[in-house]
C-alpha atoms as a PDB file:
ATOM      1  CA  MET A   1     -34.007 -68.753 -49.190  1.00  0.00           C
ATOM      2  CA  PRO A   2     -35.463 -73.086 -49.196  1.00  0.00           C
ATOM      3  CA  ARG A   3     -35.379 -73.412 -53.366  1.00  0.00           C
ATOM      4  CA  GLY A   4     -39.063 -75.173 -53.188  1.00  0.00           C
ATOM      5  CA  VAL A   5     -40.822 -72.604 -51.117  1.00  0.00           C
ATOM      6  CA  ARG A   6     -42.778 -70.462 -52.763  1.00  0.00           C
ATOM      7  CA  THR A   7     -41.844 -66.762 -51.022  1.00  0.00           C
ATOM      8  CA  LYS A   8     -43.234 -62.437 -51.355  1.00  0.00           C
ATOM      9  CA  SER A   9     -41.193 -60.412 -51.698  1.00  0.00           C
ATOM     10  CA  TYR A  10     -41.625 -59.033 -47.683  1.00  0.00           C
ATOM     11  CA  GLU A  11     -41.023 -62.663 -46.475  1.00  0.00           C
ATOM     12  CA  LYS A  12     -37.236 -62.619 -44.649  1.00  0.00           C
ATOM     13  CA  LEU A  13     -36.468 -66.210 -45.868  1.00  0.00           C
ATOM     14  CA  ASP A  14     -33.088 -65.638 -46.342  1.00  0.00           C
ATOM     15  CA  GLU A  15     -30.735 -68.136 -44.797  1.00  0.00           C
ATOM     16  CA  THR A  16     -29.544 -65.845 -42.293  1.00  0.00           C
ATOM     17  CA  ASN A  17     -32.889 -65.413 -41.393  1.00  0.00           C
ATOM     18  CA  LEU A  18     -33.697 -68.884 -41.326  1.00  0.00           C
ATOM     19  CA  GLN A  19     -31.264 -70.711 -39.496  1.00  0.00           C
ATOM     20  CA  ARG A  20     -31.140 -67.724 -36.949  1.00  0.00           C
ATOM     21  CA  VAL A  21     -35.002 -68.483 -36.785  1.00  0.00           C
ATOM     22  CA  TRP A  22     -34.363 -72.226 -36.694  1.00  0.00           C
ATOM     23  CA  GLU A  23     -31.854 -71.794 -33.685  1.00  0.00           C
ATOM     24  CA  ALA A  24     -34.661 -69.737 -31.522  1.00  0.00           C
ATOM     25  CA  LEU A  25     -37.231 -72.668 -31.816  1.00  0.00           C
ATOM     26  CA  ASN A  26     -34.353 -75.277 -30.843  1.00  0.00           C
ATOM     27  CA  SER A  27     -32.979 -73.260 -28.003  1.00  0.00           C
ATOM     28  CA  SER A  28     -33.188 -74.156 -24.090  1.00  0.00           C
ATOM     29  CA  SER A  29     -35.778 -71.276 -24.142  1.00  0.00           C
ATOM     30  CA  PRO A  30     -37.406 -71.555 -27.518  1.00  0.00           C
ATOM     31  CA  ILE A  31     -39.952 -69.192 -29.130  1.00  0.00           C
ATOM     32  CA  THR A  32     -43.471 -69.737 -30.271  1.00  0.00           C
ATOM     33  CA  LYS A  33     -44.511 -71.504 -33.565  1.00  0.00           C
ATOM     34  CA  LYS A  34     -45.788 -67.740 -34.175  1.00  0.00           C
ATOM     35  CA  GLU A  35     -42.803 -65.493 -33.316  1.00  0.00           C
ATOM     36  CA  ALA A  36     -40.853 -67.611 -35.427  1.00  0.00           C
ATOM     37  CA  CYS A  37     -43.062 -66.870 -38.209  1.00  0.00           C
ATOM     38  CA  GLU A  38     -43.079 -62.933 -37.124  1.00  0.00           C
ATOM     39  CA  MET A  39     -39.609 -63.044 -37.544  1.00  0.00           C
ATOM     40  CA  LEU A  40     -39.941 -64.663 -41.445  1.00  0.00           C
ATOM     41  CA  ASN A  41     -42.202 -62.014 -42.067  1.00  0.00           C
ATOM     42  CA  ILE A  42     -44.998 -65.115 -42.671  1.00  0.00           C
ATOM     43  CA  THR A  43     -48.856 -65.441 -42.522  1.00  0.00           C
ATOM     44  CA  TYR A  44     -48.845 -67.192 -39.155  1.00  0.00           C
ATOM     45  CA  ASN A  45     -49.212 -70.866 -40.585  1.00  0.00           C
ATOM     46  CA  THR A  46     -47.545 -73.866 -38.785  1.00  0.00           C
ATOM     47  CA  THR A  47     -47.814 -75.959 -41.638  1.00  0.00           C
ATOM     48  CA  ARG A  48     -45.839 -73.837 -44.077  1.00  0.00           C
ATOM     49  CA  LEU A  49     -43.634 -72.760 -40.824  1.00  0.00           C
ATOM     50  CA  ASN A  50     -42.142 -76.453 -40.522  1.00  0.00           C
ATOM     51  CA  ARG A  51     -42.282 -77.006 -44.167  1.00  0.00           C
ATOM     52  CA  ILE A  52     -39.781 -73.695 -44.826  1.00  0.00           C
ATOM     53  CA  LEU A  53     -37.550 -74.933 -41.748  1.00  0.00           C
ATOM     54  CA  GLU A  54     -37.430 -78.405 -42.806  1.00  0.00           C
ATOM     55  CA  GLU A  55     -35.755 -77.681 -46.419  1.00  0.00           C
ATOM     56  CA  HIS A  56     -33.697 -75.361 -44.695  1.00  0.00           C
ATOM     57  CA  THR A  57     -32.586 -78.083 -42.094  1.00  0.00           C
ATOM     58  CA  ASP A  58     -31.829 -80.358 -45.752  1.00  0.00           C
ATOM     59  CA  THR A  59     -29.796 -77.544 -47.339  1.00  0.00           C
ATOM     60  CA  MET A  60     -28.117 -76.846 -44.814  1.00  0.00           C
ATOM     61  CA  GLN A  61     -27.198 -80.331 -43.787  1.00  0.00           C
ATOM     62  CA  TYR A  62     -26.544 -81.552 -47.622  1.00  0.00           C
ATOM     63  CA  ARG A  63     -24.237 -78.383 -47.923  1.00  0.00           C
ATOM     64  CA  ALA A  64     -21.993 -79.803 -44.879  1.00  0.00           C
ATOM     65  CA  LYS A  65     -21.869 -83.265 -46.260  1.00  0.00           C
ATOM     66  CA  ARG A  66     -20.696 -81.409 -49.908  1.00  0.00           C
ATOM     67  CA  LYS A  67     -17.894 -79.394 -48.055  1.00  0.00           C
ATOM     68  CA  SER A  68     -16.704 -82.490 -46.076  1.00  0.00           C
ATOM     69  CA  GLN A  69     -16.710 -84.914 -49.327  1.00  0.00           C
ATOM     70  CA  LEU A  70     -14.915 -81.650 -51.528  1.00  0.00           C
ATOM     71  CA  LYS A  71     -12.375 -81.011 -48.590  1.00  0.00           C
ATOM     72  CA  GLY A  72      -8.824 -81.081 -49.622  1.00  0.00           C
ATOM     73  CA  THR A  73      -9.607 -81.525 -53.257  1.00  0.00           C
ATOM     74  CA  LYS A  74      -8.073 -79.636 -55.582  1.00  0.00           C
ATOM     75  CA  ALA A  75     -10.234 -77.105 -58.281  1.00  0.00           C
ATOM     76  CA  THR A  76     -11.660 -79.081 -60.852  1.00  0.00           C
ATOM     77  CA  PRO A  77     -11.659 -77.278 -64.647  1.00  0.00           C
ATOM     78  CA  ASP A  78     -14.999 -76.650 -63.939  1.00  0.00           C
ATOM     79  CA  GLU A  79     -14.686 -74.861 -60.405  1.00  0.00           C
ATOM     80  CA  ILE A  80     -12.220 -72.762 -61.835  1.00  0.00           C
ATOM     81  CA  LYS A  81     -14.159 -71.314 -65.018  1.00  0.00           C
ATOM     82  CA  GLN A  82     -17.276 -71.284 -62.614  1.00  0.00           C
ATOM     83  CA  VAL A  83     -15.254 -68.929 -60.099  1.00  0.00           C
ATOM     84  CA  ILE A  84     -14.089 -66.561 -63.131  1.00  0.00           C
ATOM     85  CA  GLU A  85     -17.377 -66.502 -64.620  1.00  0.00           C
ATOM     86  CA  TRP A  86     -19.626 -66.088 -61.022  1.00  0.00           C
ATOM     87  CA  TYR A  87     -16.815 -62.949 -60.210  1.00  0.00           C
ATOM     88  CA  LEU A  88     -16.992 -61.705 -63.322  1.00  0.00           C
ATOM     89  CA  SER A  89     -20.693 -61.234 -63.392  1.00  0.00           C
ATOM     90  CA  GLU A  90     -19.992 -59.784 -59.484  1.00  0.00           C
ATOM     91  CA  HIS A  91     -21.549 -62.329 -57.441  1.00  0.00           C
ATOM     92  CA  PRO A  92     -19.631 -61.579 -53.896  1.00  0.00           C
ATOM     93  CA  VAL A  93     -16.879 -64.932 -52.792  1.00  0.00           C
ATOM     94  CA  SER A  94     -18.921 -65.679 -49.716  1.00  0.00           C
ATOM     95  CA  GLU A  95     -22.204 -66.503 -52.486  1.00  0.00           C
ATOM     96  CA  ILE A  96     -19.546 -68.492 -54.393  1.00  0.00           C
ATOM     97  CA  ALA A  97     -17.903 -70.473 -51.723  1.00  0.00           C
ATOM     98  CA  GLN A  98     -21.681 -71.127 -50.951  1.00  0.00           C
ATOM     99  CA  ARG A  99     -22.664 -72.558 -54.429  1.00  0.00           C
ATOM    100  CA  MET A 100     -19.790 -74.348 -54.832  1.00  0.00           C
ATOM    101  CA  TYR A 101     -19.611 -76.052 -51.549  1.00  0.00           C
ATOM    102  CA  ARG A 102     -16.084 -74.467 -51.408  1.00  0.00           C
ATOM    103  CA  SER A 103     -15.241 -72.295 -48.425  1.00  0.00           C
ATOM    104  CA  SER A 104     -14.533 -68.327 -49.258  1.00  0.00           C
ATOM    105  CA  THR A 105     -10.640 -68.904 -48.930  1.00  0.00           C
ATOM    106  CA  PHE A 106     -10.553 -71.425 -51.584  1.00  0.00           C
ATOM    107  CA  VAL A 107     -12.312 -69.240 -54.151  1.00  0.00           C
ATOM    108  CA  LYS A 108      -9.591 -66.230 -53.597  1.00  0.00           C
ATOM    109  CA  ASN A 109      -7.546 -68.682 -54.104  1.00  0.00           C
ATOM    110  CA  ILE A 110      -8.306 -69.295 -57.345  1.00  0.00           C
ATOM    111  CA  ILE A 111      -8.756 -65.546 -58.097  1.00  0.00           C
ATOM    112  CA  ASN A 112      -5.652 -64.780 -57.509  1.00  0.00           C
ATOM    113  CA  LYS A 113      -3.952 -68.411 -59.020  1.00  0.00           C
ATOM    114  CA  VAL A 114      -5.270 -67.196 -62.583  1.00  0.00           C
ATOM    115  CA  GLY A 115      -5.406 -63.893 -62.035  1.00  0.00           C
ATOM    116  CA  VAL A 116      -8.497 -61.961 -62.167  1.00  0.00           C
ATOM    117  CA  PRO A 117      -9.066 -58.514 -60.784  1.00  0.00           C
ATOM    118  CA  GLU A 118     -10.202 -58.659 -57.299  1.00  0.00           C
ATOM    119  CA  LYS A 119     -12.569 -56.188 -56.118  1.00  0.00           C
ATOM    120  CA  ARG A 120     -11.171 -53.889 -53.162  1.00  0.00           C
ATOM    121  CA  PRO A 121     -13.856 -53.082 -50.453  1.00  0.00           C
ATOM    122  CA  LYS A 122     -16.710 -50.207 -50.469  1.00  0.00           C
ATOM    123  CA  THR A 123     -14.551 -47.384 -48.888  1.00  0.00           C
ATOM    124  CA  GLU A 124     -11.703 -47.490 -51.759  1.00  0.00           C
ATOM    125  CA  GLN A 125     -13.656 -48.209 -54.436  1.00  0.00           C
ATOM    126  CA  GLY A 126     -14.790 -44.904 -56.721  1.00  0.00           C
ATOM    127  CA  ALA A 127     -14.017 -42.299 -58.622  1.00  0.00           C
ATOM    128  CA  LYS A 128     -12.422 -40.269 -55.780  1.00  0.00           C
ATOM    129  CA  HIS A 129      -9.947 -42.602 -54.802  1.00  0.00           C
ATOM    130  CA  LYS A 130      -6.676 -44.623 -56.127  1.00  0.00           C
ATOM    131  CA  VAL A 131      -7.318 -47.199 -59.236  1.00  0.00           C
ATOM    132  CA  GLY A 132      -6.925 -50.297 -58.096  1.00  0.00           C
ATOM    133  CA  PHE A 133      -4.237 -52.803 -58.656  1.00  0.00           C
ATOM    134  CA  LEU A 134      -3.974 -54.556 -61.460  1.00  0.00           C
ATOM    135  CA  PRO A 135      -3.154 -57.923 -61.815  1.00  0.00           C
ATOM    136  CA  GLU A 136       0.654 -58.186 -63.803  1.00  0.00           C
ATOM    137  CA  GLU A 137      -1.615 -61.140 -66.462  1.00  0.00           C
ATOM    138  CA  CYS A 138      -4.206 -58.070 -67.208  1.00  0.00           C
ATOM    139  CA  VAL A 139      -1.993 -55.413 -68.177  1.00  0.00           C
ATOM    140  CA  SER A 140      -2.399 -53.684 -72.126  1.00  0.00           C
ATOM    141  CA  GLU A 141      -1.896 -50.473 -73.581  1.00  0.00           C
ATOM    142  CA  SER A 142      -4.332 -51.700 -76.261  1.00  0.00           C
ATOM    143  CA  PHE A 143      -8.270 -52.820 -76.423  1.00  0.00           C
ATOM    144  CA  GLU A 144     -10.921 -54.281 -79.308  1.00  0.00           C
ATOM    145  CA  VAL A 145     -13.931 -52.358 -79.205  1.00  0.00           C
ATOM    146  CA  GLY A 146     -17.002 -54.911 -78.415  1.00  0.00           C
ATOM    147  CA  GLU A 147     -13.971 -56.240 -75.737  1.00  0.00           C
ATOM    148  CA  ARG A 148     -15.250 -57.269 -71.738  1.00  0.00           C
ATOM    149  CA  VAL A 149     -12.814 -55.488 -69.439  1.00  0.00           C
ATOM    150  CA  TRP A 150     -12.078 -54.993 -66.131  1.00  0.00           C
ATOM    151  CA  CYS A 151     -12.432 -50.835 -65.061  1.00  0.00           C
ATOM    152  CA  ALA A 152     -10.126 -50.716 -62.207  1.00  0.00           C
ATOM    153  CA  ARG A 153     -10.885 -47.374 -61.242  1.00  0.00           C
ATOM    154  CA  TYR A 154     -14.299 -48.417 -60.312  1.00  0.00           C
ATOM    155  CA  ASP A 155     -13.714 -52.229 -59.506  1.00  0.00           C
ATOM    156  CA  LEU A 156     -16.278 -53.237 -62.437  1.00  0.00           C
ATOM    157  CA  PRO A 157     -16.474 -55.089 -65.164  1.00  0.00           C
ATOM    158  CA  GLY A 158     -17.109 -53.351 -68.591  1.00  0.00           C
ATOM    159  CA  ILE A 159     -16.786 -52.659 -72.464  1.00  0.00           C
ATOM    160  CA  ILE A 160     -15.463 -51.141 -74.758  1.00  0.00           C
ATOM    161  CA  LYS A 161     -17.095 -48.573 -76.629  1.00  0.00           C
ATOM    162  CA  LYS A 162     -14.971 -47.114 -78.729  1.00  0.00           C
ATOM    163  CA  VAL A 163     -11.388 -45.970 -78.648  1.00  0.00           C
ATOM    164  CA  MET A 164     -11.248 -41.979 -78.013  1.00  0.00           C
ATOM    165  CA  PRO A 165      -9.925 -39.655 -81.247  1.00  0.00           C
ATOM    166  CA  ASN A 166      -6.940 -37.584 -80.815  1.00  0.00           C
ATOM    167  CA  THR A 167      -7.244 -34.097 -81.723  1.00  0.00           C
ATOM    168  CA  LYS A 168      -4.935 -31.211 -81.340  1.00  0.00           C
ATOM    169  CA  GLN A 169      -7.241 -29.961 -78.214  1.00  0.00           C
ATOM    170  CA  THR A 170      -6.980 -33.411 -76.852  1.00  0.00           C
ATOM    171  CA  ASN A 171      -4.097 -35.701 -77.633  1.00  0.00           C
ATOM    172  CA  TYR A 172      -3.802 -38.713 -75.148  1.00  0.00           C
ATOM    173  CA  LYS A 173      -1.405 -40.334 -76.535  1.00  0.00           C
ATOM    174  CA  ASP A 174       1.244 -37.290 -76.363  1.00  0.00           C
ATOM    175  CA  LYS A 175      -0.392 -36.110 -72.607  1.00  0.00           C
ATOM    176  CA  TYR A 176      -0.732 -39.856 -71.758  1.00  0.00           C
ATOM    177  CA  GLY A 177       1.497 -41.856 -73.463  1.00  0.00           C
ATOM    178  CA  VAL A 178      -1.837 -44.399 -74.199  1.00  0.00           C
ATOM    179  CA  ASP A 179      -5.023 -44.400 -75.931  1.00  0.00           C
ATOM    180  CA  CYS A 180      -8.595 -42.796 -74.051  1.00  0.00           C
ATOM    181  CA  TYR A 181     -10.742 -44.894 -74.637  1.00  0.00           C
ATOM    182  CA  HIS A 182     -15.281 -44.934 -74.445  1.00  0.00           C
ATOM    183  CA  VAL A 183     -16.706 -47.698 -71.352  1.00  0.00           C
ATOM    184  CA  TYR A 184     -19.024 -48.691 -70.571  1.00  0.00           C
ATOM    185  CA  VAL A 185     -19.220 -49.948 -66.658  1.00  0.00           C
ATOM    186  CA  ILE A 186     -21.925 -52.773 -65.907  1.00  0.00           C
ATOM    187  CA  GLU A 187     -22.756 -52.858 -62.042  1.00  0.00           C
ATOM    188  CA  ILE A 188     -25.664 -55.170 -60.234  1.00  0.00           C
ATOM    189  CA  THR A 189     -28.351 -52.841 -60.141  1.00  0.00           C
ATOM    190  CA  ASN A 190     -31.610 -54.634 -58.359  1.00  0.00           C
ATOM    191  CA  PHE A 191     -33.743 -52.391 -58.396  1.00  0.00           C
ATOM    192  CA  ASP A 192     -37.374 -51.932 -59.661  1.00  0.00           C
ATOM    193  CA  THR A 193     -38.767 -49.382 -62.518  1.00  0.00           C
ATOM    194  CA  PRO A 194     -41.976 -47.752 -62.533  1.00  0.00           C
ATOM    195  CA  ASN A 195     -41.778 -48.363 -67.287  1.00  0.00           C
ATOM    196  CA  PHE A 196     -39.337 -51.348 -67.142  1.00  0.00           C
ATOM    197  CA  GLY A 197     -39.973 -53.994 -63.937  1.00  0.00           C
ATOM    198  CA  TYR A 198     -36.861 -55.616 -62.036  1.00  0.00           C
ATOM    199  CA  GLN A 199     -33.506 -54.313 -63.844  1.00  0.00           C
ATOM    200  CA  GLU A 200     -30.491 -56.733 -62.826  1.00  0.00           C
ATOM    201  CA  VAL A 201     -28.173 -55.021 -64.263  1.00  0.00           C
ATOM    202  CA  GLY A 202     -26.900 -51.438 -65.330  1.00  0.00           C
ATOM    203  CA  GLY A 203     -24.333 -49.252 -66.139  1.00  0.00           C
ATOM    204  CA  TYR A 204     -23.061 -45.838 -66.669  1.00  0.00           C
ATOM    205  CA  ASN A 205     -20.226 -44.491 -69.696  1.00  0.00           C
ATOM    206  CA  SER A 206     -17.136 -43.384 -68.802  1.00  0.00           C
ATOM    207  CA  HIS A 207     -13.706 -41.722 -69.946  1.00  0.00           C
ATOM    208  CA  GLN A 208     -10.870 -44.355 -68.943  1.00  0.00           C
ATOM    209  CA  LEU A 209      -6.697 -44.465 -70.039  1.00  0.00           C
ATOM    210  CA  ALA A 210      -5.727 -47.947 -70.946  1.00  0.00           C
ATOM    211  CA  TYR A 211      -3.846 -48.254 -67.783  1.00  0.00           C
ATOM    212  CA  ASP A 212      -6.541 -47.838 -66.171  1.00  0.00           C
ATOM    213  CA  LEU A 213      -8.061 -50.854 -67.852  1.00  0.00           C
ATOM    214  CA  GLY A 214      -7.046 -54.203 -67.069  1.00  0.00           C
ATOM    215  CA  SER A 215      -7.679 -57.283 -70.213  1.00  0.00           C
ATOM    216  CA  LEU A 216      -9.341 -60.327 -69.692  1.00  0.00           C
ATOM    217  CA  LYS A 217      -8.104 -62.225 -72.574  1.00  0.00           C
ATOM    218  CA  HIS A 218      -5.765 -64.729 -70.458  1.00  0.00           C
ATOM    219  CA  LEU A 219      -9.014 -66.206 -68.751  1.00  0.00           C
ATOM    220  CA  GLN A 220     -10.352 -67.466 -71.821  1.00  0.00           C
ATOM    221  CA  LYS A 221      -7.811 -70.381 -71.476  1.00  0.00           C
ATOM    222  CA  TYR A 222      -9.527 -71.666 -68.639  1.00  0.00           C
ATOM    223  CA  GLY A 223     -13.144 -71.793 -70.558  1.00  0.00           C
ATOM    224  CA  ALA A 224     -14.069 -68.777 -69.010  1.00  0.00           C
ATOM    225  CA  ASP A 225     -16.806 -66.626 -71.491  1.00  0.00           C
ATOM    226  CA  ILE A 226     -15.348 -63.622 -70.901  1.00  0.00           C
ATOM    227  CA  GLN A 227     -17.555 -61.952 -73.923  1.00  0.00           C
ATOM    228  CA  PRO A 228     -20.649 -59.679 -73.323  1.00  0.00           C
ATOM    229  CA  ALA A 229     -23.886 -60.824 -72.873  1.00  0.00           C
END
């Protein structure tokens, strides 16, 4: 969506659709401006349409220029920090790359190099699937209450709430060789609730064994803020 343009929730001003409309208007058989407004789901207003498309064009040109300038340059400490924090906040690689004027390959290389756990495809996520791979830097047998961790079973970050007690009925140490933790799993929700309005972040409680969790402490040396908000 263009930065200086006010938008309504039903308007389709995402970059993909804006580019599709721009290309349709500039094709050998161009669509009309009325049709362009319909594609964007905005009220027919040529002045506003022109402003939206001009800002979109400026954004695309600036992005292309910055990508050209940054092409072939090494990642800066600030870029590494941003990639870590944005990825752990559930921003997709493609979005991170776009915001940084870098390629998706550039972002993925940072993730792999510093040892950030990678999300699996959605078809491989969830409790019914095997636990995701954890980089060696993330492996730990113990965690602290309040610590932010990676939940490899769900491919999501989480917060350690407490260590589950070992009892005669359920002794995790004897049965599994590690402690079990009560974890609050964090996920992006992006939905409206009748009582609380728009909710960007939600989550749920889960009990997970230590070897299904990944430590993120090693990422602090890159200046990344890994503590819970």
